[in-house]
Amino acid sequence: MDREAVIEFLGQVPLLQRLPSSSLMKVAELVQFKSYDHGDYVVREGETGQGIYFIWEGQAEVIGPSNGDEGNRPELLLRKYDYFGYGTSGSVHQVNVIALSKLTCLVLPHGNGNLLQPKSIWNAEGTPKDFSLVEHILHLEPIDADIFRGFTLPDSPSFRQVFGGQFIGQALAAASKTVDCLKHAHSLHAYFLVAGDNNLPIVYQVHRARDGNSFATRQVDAKQNGVVVFSLMASFQKNEVGFEHQNSLMPLVPLPETLPSMEELRERRLTDPRLPMEYRKTVAREKFVPWPIEIRFCDSSSSRRPSQPSMRYWFRARGKLSDDQALHRCVLAYASDLLFVGVSLNPHRRKGLKTTTLSLDHSIWFHRTVKADDWLLYSIESPSACGGRGFVTGLMFNRNWRACCFIDSRRSCKEIETVNWGTQIKALIMHLQVKKLFHYYDSPYEYAGHCYCAGLSSYSQICLVATAFIKC
């Protein structure tokens, strides 16, 4: 039987969804075909079977254990992709399994059950402490067929809400675990619906929109507290030979080995005598946690001066990743959203500028095999910003000058008006005193509610006003 057909079949078995691609390949090499005619016993109650059985074609019936009453023995129908049996040689079957038609099974022999218990959905070897941080971030817990659970780890990048790249990477991971490992993501389109809570787990529900010979399509909904907060549509394709050309030229930039790391840049800010002492003290007080993605900037920029709406930097995952191509594409999706939105603000930067941003949508097209733990060049540009939305596009190249993928993204970018809230609060208190309204409030919460109605609508502003009430 064609090995590719076996791999594609095994990729549809729910039990095997959690396996790394290397484990699935080994299972495909080890399984044996067994055929049965209608009425044949596949396994008998009280006997030891040959291993774990996966139904390739046909139907079988499970007849429960005998208890002296043949009429009350429970029955269960098994179809394609269902499985039964044990991975250890000493296990005795508690039921009879009988073929209801001409039946073909794939049998994974005894002694190979360890292949079905990996330490990670990405890595079949080593221990979790050896895995890279980004691999831990993109690890999902399978909780049911096509349902996975992800978490925001304490050491992962935090932006007051779930990082957009985490949503994209984890959702693509969930989708990847429902297609066979011969098909790889070639495009994805994501929509950010509601801000995610870092303190809550994220449940990813995968919907199998289409399964074809060469392509497969998956829709993934990410939920928190039962609410869909993020949605992704991804398409997968089996590797095929076809036309090839590249019109995009890789920018001429310094090699990553010649550029300083983010840790080195921070050290310079701490020790450079040309920088004001207060600035260096501020940098020293800020908690520094290395990102799971190593970045080396090709261009210098300033957050206080206008600059070109573009950015170029080399990046790679910290640590060694497994050879699972699905993992490398998920890491690429995760990293694609780092520092992305800021490019649309470059022409508008000035001292004291404060902005708020909200992710709207994000799209990626994968064009070549990627290796995310080797250096990749990310060239980002923002062609337009208008109506409170910034449009950003990017192109990634490997070190062989070949374009790997294209990225488009849109963000809501708004400037926050700088207000001296101390002065505003004092003015509001004086207003209430003049109007002799102070005694109507029994608590700062009632006072904060009044301020809310007066137009101070953000949470932080209300807290400031409530604090002022207590001090009065």
Foldseek 3Di string as FASTA:
>chain_A
DDLVVLLQLLLQQQLCLLAAQVLSSVQSVQWDKDKDAAFDWQAAAFAAHFAKKAWQAAKKKKWAADDPDNVPTDIDIDGHSDMDHHQARVDGDRIIIGGRHTTMIIGRGHPSCLSSPAQFSHDRDDHPVQDFPVSLQQTWDDDDRQKTKGAQDPLADDDQFPQPLSVQLNLLSSVCSNGRLQKAWFKKKKFFAATHHRVFMKMKGKDFPDDDPFKTKIKIFIDDPRDGGMIMIIMIGGDDDDDDDDPDFDDDFDDQVVFDWPVVVLVCLLPVPVDDPVSNVVSVPDDDRDHQKIKGWRDDADQAAADALKTKIKIAGPHDGDPRLSNLVSVVSSVVRPPFVCSQCRRPGHPPWDKDKDWGMKMKGFDDRDDRRAIKMKIKGWPDDDDQKTKMKIWIAHPVRDTTMIMITMMRMDTDDDDPLVVVLVVVVVVCVVVVNLVVDPALVVVLVVVCVVPQPDPVSSVVNRVVNVVD
